[in-house]
């Protein structure tokens, strides 16, 4: 019984890792809808592994390491591959200049900075009731949410050329590169971000969380699927507004 208690949270974390691996494979294969389902599973499991560990008082150094390693795939490799797919249609052309490599590989910069962000988080003992920089799950939702909207705009066409033309016309190379750089920087930025962990139950101490929750619900009701990446943008903005209250 003690074995199950001590390792249940770790098993859930490994489930997160497995889901992330499956999602990455299907993303490479072009099945972005299955990847979306895998990301949702990973998000749920990533929440519950910590919840279960705290509830069973089974926190351990092994669990901490497993959590970061699982997140590196589900929320590090997957968003990097997503940006890889977004940049793929642009080939080697950079404003008329032919590069010696395909621009799509630049998207993996997000994976590198996700790894760096997770390492910093493991060493930073201050990030208990707030995040310093954008957390990797939120960054994944932002990047994949944009990609999902772009792909849905293709109206499920089987014509790869049409799909490439649609992405080029609707996002453009420069915005895609800027998004890659901005996303990478946000991961390791000094900006404090709201974490849904309650230091106290006083109303005034939880204004940022309340504003985030209410605003996110309104955005999703109005914009539906399109609102998913908008919620992350709102999350970043509301965190900046409440910087002084995050501690």
Protein backbone atom coordinates (compact mmCIF):
# COMPACT_ATOMS: atom_id res chain seq x y z
CA UNK A 1 0.00 0.00 0.00
CA UNK A 2 2.86 2.40 0.82
CA UNK A 3 4.38 1.66 -2.60
CA UNK A 4 1.19 2.78 -4.34
CA UNK A 5 0.89 5.86 -2.12
CA UNK A 6 4.49 6.89 -2.71
CA UNK A 7 4.42 6.33 -6.47
CA UNK A 8 0.88 7.22 -7.59
CA UNK A 9 1.85 10.83 -8.32
CA UNK A 10 4.93 9.63 -10.24
CA UNK A 11 2.75 7.31 -12.33
CA UNK A 12 0.51 10.25 -13.21
CA UNK A 13 3.60 12.26 -14.19
CA UNK A 14 4.73 9.43 -16.47
CA UNK A 15 1.25 9.52 -18.00
CA UNK A 16 1.88 13.19 -18.78
CA UNK A 17 5.17 12.22 -20.44
CA UNK A 18 3.53 9.44 -22.47
CA UNK A 19 0.78 11.78 -23.65
CA UNK A 20 3.39 14.35 -24.65
CA UNK A 21 5.33 11.76 -26.65
CA UNK A 22 2.20 10.66 -28.51
CA UNK A 23 1.28 14.29 -29.16
CA UNK A 24 4.73 15.06 -30.57
CA UNK A 25 4.59 12.05 -32.90
CA UNK A 26 1.16 12.97 -34.26
CA UNK A 27 2.22 16.59 -34.71
CA UNK A 28 5.14 15.48 -36.88
CA UNK A 29 2.75 13.28 -38.85
CA UNK A 30 0.40 16.23 -39.40
CA UNK A 31 -2.40 15.00 -37.14
CA UNK A 32 -2.75 18.20 -35.10
CA UNK A 33 -6.18 17.27 -33.72
CA UNK A 34 -4.78 14.22 -31.90
CA UNK A 35 -1.96 16.43 -30.65
CA UNK A 36 -4.56 18.84 -29.24
CA UNK A 37 -6.17 15.98 -27.31
CA UNK A 38 -2.76 14.86 -26.01
CA UNK A 39 -1.95 18.39 -24.81
CA UNK A 40 -5.25 18.49 -22.90
CA UNK A 41 -4.44 15.13 -21.29
CA UNK A 42 -0.96 16.35 -20.37
CA UNK A 43 -2.34 19.55 -18.84
CA UNK A 44 -4.82 17.59 -16.71
CA UNK A 45 -2.20 15.05 -15.60
CA UNK A 46 0.33 17.80 -14.89
CA UNK A 47 -2.17 19.41 -12.53
CA UNK A 48 -3.16 16.20 -10.79
CA UNK A 49 0.32 14.79 -10.17
CA UNK A 50 1.14 17.71 -7.86
CA UNK A 51 -2.34 17.64 -6.33
CA UNK A 52 -2.08 13.91 -5.57
CA UNK A 53 1.46 14.24 -4.21
CA UNK A 54 0.37 16.96 -1.79
CA UNK A 55 -2.82 15.14 -0.80
CA UNK A 56 -0.95 11.90 -0.05
CA UNK A 57 2.05 13.75 1.40
CA UNK A 58 4.21 11.88 -1.10
CA UNK A 59 6.34 14.77 -2.35
CA UNK A 60 9.84 13.62 -3.27
CA UNK A 61 12.94 14.73 -5.13
CA UNK A 62 12.28 11.96 -7.64
CA UNK A 63 8.81 13.38 -8.30
CA UNK A 64 10.25 16.87 -8.81
CA UNK A 65 12.75 15.61 -11.38
CA UNK A 66 10.18 13.46 -13.18
CA UNK A 67 7.79 16.40 -13.38
CA UNK A 68 10.35 18.60 -15.12
CA UNK A 69 11.44 15.83 -17.48
CA UNK A 70 7.82 15.10 -18.45
CA UNK A 71 7.09 18.81 -18.92
CA UNK A 72 10.16 19.10 -21.14
CA UNK A 73 8.46 16.84 -23.68
CA UNK A 74 4.80 17.82 -23.27
CA UNK A 75 5.40 21.55 -22.86
CA UNK A 76 8.90 21.99 -24.28
CA UNK A 77 9.29 19.76 -27.31
CA UNK A 78 5.64 20.02 -28.44
CA UNK A 79 5.51 23.86 -28.67
CA UNK A 80 8.92 23.85 -30.39
CA UNK A 81 7.64 21.34 -32.95
CA UNK A 82 4.48 23.43 -33.33
CA UNK A 83 6.50 26.50 -34.27
CA UNK A 84 8.57 24.22 -36.52
CA UNK A 85 5.33 23.36 -38.36
CA UNK A 86 4.24 27.02 -38.51
CA UNK A 87 7.57 28.03 -40.08
CA UNK A 88 7.77 24.99 -42.37
CA UNK A 89 5.97 26.56 -45.39
CA UNK A 90 8.54 29.37 -45.62
CA UNK A 91 11.39 27.08 -46.71
CA UNK A 92 14.79 28.79 -46.91
CA UNK A 93 13.59 32.17 -48.14
CA UNK A 94 14.12 35.12 -45.82
CA UNK A 95 12.81 38.28 -47.52
CA UNK A 96 14.30 37.26 -50.84
CA UNK A 97 17.55 36.01 -49.31
CA UNK A 98 18.15 32.26 -49.53
CA UNK A 99 19.40 30.79 -46.26
CA UNK A 100 21.66 27.70 -46.13
CA UNK A 101 19.08 26.03 -43.88
CA UNK A 102 15.29 25.86 -43.61
CA UNK A 103 13.75 28.52 -41.38
CA UNK A 104 11.52 25.95 -39.66
CA UNK A 105 14.42 24.81 -37.45
CA UNK A 106 14.39 28.24 -35.82
CA UNK A 107 11.12 27.20 -34.15
CA UNK A 108 13.02 24.77 -31.92
CA UNK A 109 14.42 27.80 -30.10
CA UNK A 110 11.26 27.55 -28.00
CA UNK A 111 12.25 24.03 -26.94
CA UNK A 112 15.69 25.21 -25.84
CA UNK A 113 14.29 28.06 -23.77
CA UNK A 114 11.62 25.78 -22.30
CA UNK A 115 14.43 23.54 -21.04
CA UNK A 116 16.23 26.56 -19.60
CA UNK A 117 13.02 27.80 -17.96
CA UNK A 118 12.35 24.43 -16.30
CA UNK A 119 15.93 24.26 -14.98
CA UNK A 120 15.68 27.78 -13.56
CA UNK A 121 12.33 26.94 -11.93
CA UNK A 122 13.82 23.90 -10.20
CA UNK A 123 16.57 26.03 -8.68
CA UNK A 124 14.45 29.08 -7.77
CA UNK A 125 12.86 28.70 -4.34
CA UNK A 126 10.94 32.00 -4.64
CA UNK A 127 8.41 30.70 -7.16
CA UNK A 128 5.93 29.20 -4.71
CA UNK A 129 2.93 31.51 -5.11
CA UNK A 130 3.82 33.06 -8.47
CA UNK A 131 5.80 32.16 -11.58
CA UNK A 132 8.81 34.12 -12.77
CA UNK A 133 8.38 34.16 -16.51
CA UNK A 134 5.69 32.41 -18.52
CA UNK A 135 5.25 28.80 -17.41
CA UNK A 136 5.72 26.12 -20.06
CA UNK A 137 2.10 24.82 -20.11
CA UNK A 138 0.78 28.35 -20.76
CA UNK A 139 3.36 28.89 -23.47
CA UNK A 140 2.31 25.61 -25.10
CA UNK A 141 -1.35 26.66 -25.07
CA UNK A 142 -0.39 29.99 -26.67
CA UNK A 143 1.74 28.53 -29.48
CA UNK A 144 -0.38 25.49 -30.24
CA UNK A 145 -3.60 27.53 -29.91
CA UNK A 146 -2.41 29.84 -32.69
CA UNK A 147 -1.42 26.87 -34.84
CA UNK A 148 -4.76 25.15 -34.22
CA UNK A 149 -6.65 28.26 -35.33
CA UNK A 150 -4.50 28.52 -38.46
CA UNK A 151 -5.07 24.87 -39.34
CA UNK A 152 -8.82 25.12 -38.78
CA UNK A 153 -8.85 28.10 -41.12
CA UNK A 154 -7.69 25.76 -43.89
CA UNK A 155 -11.12 24.08 -43.60
CA UNK A 156 -9.51 20.64 -43.39
CA UNK A 157 -8.26 20.79 -46.96
CA UNK A 158 -6.13 17.83 -48.03
CA UNK A 159 -4.24 20.10 -50.44
CA UNK A 160 -0.84 20.66 -48.80
CA UNK A 161 -0.05 23.53 -51.16
CA UNK A 162 -3.25 25.32 -50.14
CA UNK A 163 -2.41 24.71 -46.51
CA UNK A 164 1.05 26.23 -46.91
CA UNK A 165 -0.34 29.23 -48.79
CA UNK A 166 -2.91 29.80 -46.07
CA UNK A 167 -0.31 29.88 -43.29
CA UNK A 168 1.97 32.18 -45.28
CA UNK A 169 -0.92 34.56 -46.05
CA UNK A 170 -2.37 34.61 -42.54
CA UNK A 171 0.64 34.84 -40.26
CA UNK A 172 3.65 35.82 -42.39
CA UNK A 173 7.31 35.05 -41.76
CA UNK A 174 8.22 38.14 -39.71
CA UNK A 175 5.33 37.76 -37.21
CA UNK A 176 6.16 34.05 -36.85
CA UNK A 177 9.82 34.82 -36.09
CA UNK A 178 8.83 37.59 -33.66
CA UNK A 179 6.43 35.19 -31.94
CA UNK A 180 9.23 32.62 -31.60
CA UNK A 181 11.62 35.14 -30.06
CA UNK A 182 8.96 36.67 -27.80
CA UNK A 183 7.79 33.27 -26.60
CA UNK A 184 11.37 32.20 -25.84
CA UNK A 185 12.06 35.40 -23.93
CA UNK A 186 8.84 35.24 -21.93
CA UNK A 187 9.82 31.79 -20.65
CA UNK A 188 12.87 33.19 -18.86
CA UNK A 189 11.73 36.78 -18.34
CA UNK A 190 11.75 38.40 -14.87
CA UNK A 191 8.02 39.21 -15.21
CA UNK A 192 6.01 37.72 -12.36
CA UNK A 193 3.08 35.61 -13.54
CA UNK A 194 -0.01 34.61 -11.59
CA UNK A 195 -0.02 31.09 -10.16
CA UNK A 196 -3.29 29.53 -9.03
CA UNK A 197 -1.91 28.74 -5.59
CA UNK A 198 -3.55 30.41 -2.62
CA UNK A 199 -1.27 31.91 0.02
CA UNK A 200 -4.32 33.09 2.00
CA UNK A 201 -8.09 33.19 1.60
CA UNK A 202 -8.31 36.97 2.02
CA UNK A 203 -10.17 38.56 -0.88
CA UNK A 204 -7.62 41.36 -1.35
CA UNK A 205 -4.80 38.83 -1.65
CA UNK A 206 -6.55 37.07 -4.51
CA UNK A 207 -7.63 39.96 -6.76
CA UNK A 208 -5.17 38.90 -9.52
CA UNK A 209 -6.55 35.33 -9.57
CA UNK A 210 -10.17 36.55 -9.55
CA UNK A 211 -9.48 39.00 -12.40
CA UNK A 212 -7.73 36.25 -14.36
CA UNK A 213 -10.54 33.74 -13.84
CA UNK A 214 -13.41 36.10 -14.69
CA UNK A 215 -11.63 37.63 -17.68
CA UNK A 216 -10.67 34.21 -19.08
CA UNK A 217 -14.26 32.94 -18.85
CA UNK A 218 -15.57 36.03 -20.66
CA UNK A 219 -12.95 35.68 -23.41
CA UNK A 220 -13.77 32.00 -23.96
CA UNK A 221 -17.53 32.67 -24.04
CA UNK A 222 -17.11 35.44 -26.63
CA UNK A 223 -14.38 33.96 -28.82
CA UNK A 224 -14.71 30.20 -28.15
CA UNK A 225 -11.75 28.28 -29.69
CA UNK A 226 -10.11 31.46 -30.95
CA UNK A 227 -10.14 32.68 -27.36
CA UNK A 228 -7.72 29.98 -26.15
CA UNK A 229 -4.49 31.81 -27.14
CA UNK A 230 -6.20 35.12 -26.25
CA UNK A 231 -6.60 33.86 -22.69
CA UNK A 232 -2.82 33.41 -22.44
CA UNK A 233 -2.24 36.92 -23.79
CA UNK A 234 -4.76 38.21 -21.23
CA UNK A 235 -2.96 36.16 -18.55
CA UNK A 236 0.33 37.87 -19.39
CA UNK A 237 -1.24 41.35 -19.41
CA UNK A 238 -3.16 40.88 -16.15
CA UNK A 239 0.01 39.53 -14.51
CA UNK A 240 1.90 42.66 -15.57
CA UNK A 241 -0.88 44.87 -14.16
CA UNK A 242 -0.75 43.10 -10.78
CA UNK A 243 3.06 42.85 -10.57
CA UNK A 244 3.29 44.46 -7.15
CA UNK A 245 0.71 42.11 -5.62
CA UNK A 246 2.47 38.94 -6.75
CA UNK A 247 4.77 37.76 -4.01
